[in-house]
Amino acid sequence: MRRGAGRPTTEQAEARHEELLDAALDLFLEHGFELTTIEMIAARINMTKRTVYARYADKPSLFRGAVQRAIERQIVPQDVLAGFDQGDLAATLESVARLRIGQVMTPNGLRLQRIINTESYRFPEIFTANFEQSAKPVLDFVAGVLDRAIATGQISPTDSGFAASAFMSMVVGGQVRAIVSGRVPARAELDRRINFTVRLLLDGLRPRGDERKEAP
């Protein structure tokens, strides 16, 4: 459809901006940062270079903007995380794992992980931004769930931050690496792996012997 003449509305301008960022991320992933040009990105969506430069001073700025938008799409609202905590520790952790793995299986999640894998040596700040904005809030939520489980005697006293990191590495990290490389497991197999590793983690954290007697 041909765009109407005259000044675009705010909604139209934002939609074009989103097109620009999507096209930029696609091309940076397809060709790498070095080989991708502003001309290529503008041509992909029939936009002038002048319009691109009106928003972004240079290619690195556009790259960071495209990655930042992809990160923001991966942020999990706190109310969604809170909804997972229904009192069953294993079920809560399984829900978190399915959510994080499912995010990586989306087109946005795959692009983001792959661009971080290929370009974070050049732009280390994108790795940090992804961790701080997307991963850390989930880690903090898991640590809080584990703290409550410690308080009620479900698991032994431990460093909940380390335990949350181990959870993400064991349950999520391995699956993410496989998915990003193109080896996507079937849903039943994914559920089996999640269930197994969550229970393996919790078995290692549960009180034993005298610890059970001392639990509140």
Protein backbone atom coordinates (compact mmCIF):
# COMPACT_ATOMS: atom_id res chain seq x y z
CA MET A 1 0.00 0.00 0.00
CA ARG A 2 1.34 3.44 -0.90
CA ARG A 3 1.95 5.72 2.04
CA GLY A 4 -0.14 8.85 2.12
CA ALA A 5 1.42 12.22 1.47
CA GLY A 6 2.12 14.68 4.25
CA ARG A 7 3.70 14.43 7.67
CA PRO A 8 3.36 10.94 9.19
CA THR A 9 1.46 10.50 12.44
CA THR A 10 3.30 9.58 15.63
CA GLU A 11 2.09 6.01 15.24
CA GLN A 12 3.30 5.82 11.65
CA ALA A 13 6.67 7.29 12.57
CA GLU A 14 7.11 4.78 15.38
CA ALA A 15 6.10 1.91 13.11
CA ARG A 16 8.73 2.98 10.58
CA HIS A 17 11.28 3.23 13.37
CA GLU A 18 10.49 -0.34 14.41
CA GLU A 19 10.86 -1.45 10.78
CA LEU A 20 14.26 0.20 10.72
CA LEU A 21 15.44 -1.56 13.88
CA ASP A 22 14.11 -4.94 12.70
CA ALA A 23 15.81 -4.57 9.33
CA ALA A 24 19.04 -3.45 10.96
CA LEU A 25 19.17 -6.41 13.33
CA ASP A 26 18.40 -8.84 10.50
CA LEU A 27 21.15 -7.45 8.31
CA PHE A 28 23.71 -7.23 11.11
CA LEU A 29 23.00 -10.89 11.78
CA GLU A 30 23.09 -11.90 8.12
CA HIS A 31 26.27 -10.06 7.15
CA GLY A 32 27.99 -9.12 10.40
CA PHE A 33 28.60 -5.62 11.71
CA GLU A 34 31.56 -4.85 9.46
CA LEU A 35 29.91 -5.73 6.15
CA THR A 36 26.50 -4.25 6.89
CA THR A 37 26.06 -0.65 5.73
CA ILE A 38 23.53 2.06 6.43
CA GLU A 39 22.73 2.00 2.70
CA MET A 40 21.83 -1.69 2.88
CA ILE A 41 19.59 -1.18 5.89
CA ALA A 42 17.80 1.83 4.41
CA ALA A 43 17.27 0.04 1.10
CA ARG A 44 15.77 -3.00 2.86
CA ILE A 45 12.79 -0.92 3.99
CA ASN A 46 12.79 1.75 1.27
CA MET A 47 14.00 4.47 3.63
CA THR A 48 16.43 7.25 2.81
CA LYS A 49 19.83 7.41 4.50
CA ARG A 50 18.95 10.91 5.60
CA THR A 51 16.01 9.56 7.60
CA VAL A 52 18.22 6.95 9.24
CA TYR A 53 20.86 9.52 10.16
CA ALA A 54 18.18 11.79 11.59
CA ARG A 55 17.73 9.16 14.32
CA TYR A 56 21.17 7.59 14.57
CA ALA A 57 24.46 9.42 14.16
CA ASP A 58 26.36 6.40 12.87
CA LYS A 59 26.27 2.65 12.33
CA PRO A 60 27.34 1.70 15.88
CA SER A 61 24.51 3.82 17.30
CA LEU A 62 21.99 2.07 15.06
CA PHE A 63 23.41 -1.31 16.02
CA ARG A 64 23.08 -0.55 19.72
CA GLY A 65 19.55 0.76 19.20
CA ALA A 66 18.49 -2.39 17.36
CA VAL A 67 19.96 -4.66 20.01
CA GLN A 68 18.45 -2.62 22.84
CA ARG A 69 14.99 -2.96 21.36
CA ALA A 70 15.48 -6.73 21.06
CA ILE A 71 16.55 -6.86 24.72
CA GLU A 72 13.50 -4.89 25.82
CA ARG A 73 11.27 -7.43 24.08
CA GLN A 74 12.78 -10.17 26.29
CA ILE A 75 12.13 -8.45 29.62
CA VAL A 76 9.67 -10.45 31.73
CA PRO A 77 7.17 -8.33 33.71
CA GLN A 78 7.43 -8.87 37.46
CA ASP A 79 3.75 -9.76 37.72
CA VAL A 80 4.29 -12.61 35.26
CA LEU A 81 7.12 -13.99 37.37
CA ALA A 82 5.11 -13.56 40.57
CA GLY A 83 2.29 -15.54 39.01
CA PHE A 84 4.56 -18.57 38.76
CA ASP A 85 5.05 -18.74 42.54
CA GLN A 86 2.09 -20.77 43.75
CA GLY A 87 3.83 -22.56 46.61
CA ASP A 88 5.22 -25.54 44.70
CA LEU A 89 8.98 -24.97 44.43
CA ALA A 90 9.63 -27.46 41.62
CA ALA A 91 6.66 -26.23 39.59
CA THR A 92 7.77 -22.61 40.02
CA LEU A 93 11.27 -23.35 38.77
CA GLU A 94 9.94 -25.41 35.87
CA SER A 95 7.69 -22.53 34.83
CA VAL A 96 10.61 -20.10 34.88
CA ALA A 97 12.72 -22.49 32.82
CA ARG A 98 9.99 -22.97 30.21
CA LEU A 99 9.51 -19.23 29.97
CA ARG A 100 13.19 -18.43 29.44
CA ILE A 101 13.74 -21.27 26.98
CA GLY A 102 10.54 -20.35 25.15
CA GLN A 103 11.73 -16.77 24.79
CA VAL A 104 14.89 -17.93 23.05
CA MET A 105 12.81 -20.00 20.63
CA THR A 106 11.01 -16.87 19.36
CA PRO A 107 12.36 -15.07 16.27
CA ASN A 108 13.37 -12.10 18.43
CA GLY A 109 15.04 -14.30 21.02
CA LEU A 110 17.03 -16.24 18.44
CA ARG A 111 18.22 -13.08 16.70
CA LEU A 112 19.25 -11.53 19.99
CA GLN A 113 21.19 -14.55 21.23
CA ARG A 114 22.96 -14.99 17.91
CA ILE A 115 23.90 -11.33 17.60
CA ILE A 116 25.25 -11.35 21.16
CA ASN A 117 27.24 -14.48 20.40
CA THR A 118 28.78 -12.99 17.26
CA GLU A 119 29.23 -9.32 18.15
CA SER A 120 29.67 -9.03 21.93
CA TYR A 121 33.45 -9.15 21.52
CA ARG A 122 33.11 -5.88 19.59
CA PHE A 123 30.29 -4.45 21.72
CA PRO A 124 30.68 -5.99 25.21
CA GLU A 125 28.03 -3.63 26.52
CA ILE A 126 25.29 -5.57 24.72
CA PHE A 127 26.08 -8.68 26.78
CA THR A 128 25.96 -6.62 29.96
CA ALA A 129 22.74 -4.88 28.95
CA ASN A 130 21.05 -8.19 28.15
CA PHE A 131 22.09 -9.63 31.50
CA GLU A 132 21.12 -6.60 33.58
CA GLN A 133 17.77 -5.95 31.91
CA SER A 134 16.56 -9.41 30.91
CA ALA A 135 18.38 -12.15 32.83
CA LYS A 136 19.14 -10.58 36.22
CA PRO A 137 15.51 -9.83 37.19
CA VAL A 138 14.72 -13.50 36.58
CA LEU A 139 17.76 -14.59 38.61
CA ASP A 140 16.69 -12.28 41.43
CA PHE A 141 13.18 -13.74 41.35
CA VAL A 142 14.54 -17.30 41.53
CA ALA A 143 16.86 -16.33 44.39
CA GLY A 144 13.85 -14.90 46.25
CA VAL A 145 11.88 -18.11 45.72
CA LEU A 146 14.82 -20.11 47.06
CA ASP A 147 15.15 -17.79 50.08
CA ARG A 148 11.52 -18.46 50.95
CA ALA A 149 12.09 -22.20 50.55
CA ILE A 150 15.07 -21.96 52.91
CA ALA A 151 12.95 -20.07 55.46
CA THR A 152 10.30 -22.81 55.45
CA GLY A 153 12.82 -25.65 55.61
CA GLN A 154 12.14 -27.02 52.13
CA ILE A 155 15.82 -26.69 51.23
CA SER A 156 19.02 -26.30 53.25
CA PRO A 157 20.53 -22.88 53.92
CA THR A 158 22.66 -21.89 50.95
CA ASP A 159 23.76 -18.91 48.90
CA SER A 160 20.53 -18.33 46.99
CA GLY A 161 22.26 -16.16 44.39
CA PHE A 162 24.72 -18.91 43.52
CA ALA A 163 21.92 -21.47 43.53
CA ALA A 164 19.83 -19.33 41.17
CA SER A 165 22.81 -19.01 38.81
CA ALA A 166 23.32 -22.77 38.93
CA PHE A 167 19.65 -23.25 38.14
CA MET A 168 19.83 -21.01 35.08
CA SER A 169 23.02 -22.67 33.89
CA MET A 170 21.83 -26.23 34.41
CA VAL A 171 18.23 -25.94 33.34
CA VAL A 172 18.26 -23.12 30.82
CA GLY A 173 21.81 -22.59 29.57
CA GLY A 174 22.34 -25.95 27.92
CA GLN A 175 18.98 -25.88 26.16
CA VAL A 176 19.58 -22.33 24.93
CA ARG A 177 22.94 -23.26 23.39
CA ALA A 178 21.37 -26.18 21.54
CA ILE A 179 18.43 -24.10 20.29
CA VAL A 180 20.63 -21.24 19.08
CA SER A 181 22.75 -23.72 17.13
CA GLY A 182 19.62 -25.06 15.43
CA ARG A 183 18.99 -28.20 17.52
CA VAL A 184 15.47 -27.54 18.79
CA PRO A 185 14.16 -30.37 21.01
CA ALA A 186 10.61 -31.66 20.77
CA ARG A 187 8.27 -30.32 23.47
CA ALA A 188 8.08 -33.67 25.27
CA GLU A 189 11.87 -33.99 25.32
CA LEU A 190 12.27 -30.42 26.51
CA ASP A 191 9.82 -31.01 29.36
CA ARG A 192 11.68 -34.19 30.32
CA ARG A 193 15.00 -32.35 30.48
CA ILE A 194 13.56 -29.48 32.48
CA ASN A 195 11.85 -31.80 34.97
CA PHE A 196 14.99 -33.90 35.39
CA THR A 197 17.38 -31.01 35.97
CA VAL A 198 15.04 -29.12 38.33
CA ARG A 199 14.68 -32.23 40.48
CA LEU A 200 18.41 -32.89 40.33
CA LEU A 201 19.05 -29.36 41.60
CA LEU A 202 16.46 -29.59 44.36
CA ASP A 203 17.66 -33.02 45.48
CA GLY A 204 21.06 -31.45 46.07
CA LEU A 205 19.52 -28.62 48.10
CA ARG A 206 17.06 -30.53 50.28
CA PRO A 207 17.81 -30.94 54.01
CA ARG A 208 19.33 -34.24 55.11
CA GLY A 209 19.61 -35.96 58.47
CA ASP A 210 19.75 -33.54 61.38
CA GLU A 211 18.97 -30.60 59.08
CA ARG A 212 15.37 -31.82 58.78
CA LYS A 213 14.98 -31.90 62.57
CA GLU A 214 16.27 -28.35 62.89
CA ALA A 215 14.05 -26.93 60.14
CA PRO A 216 11.44 -24.43 61.46
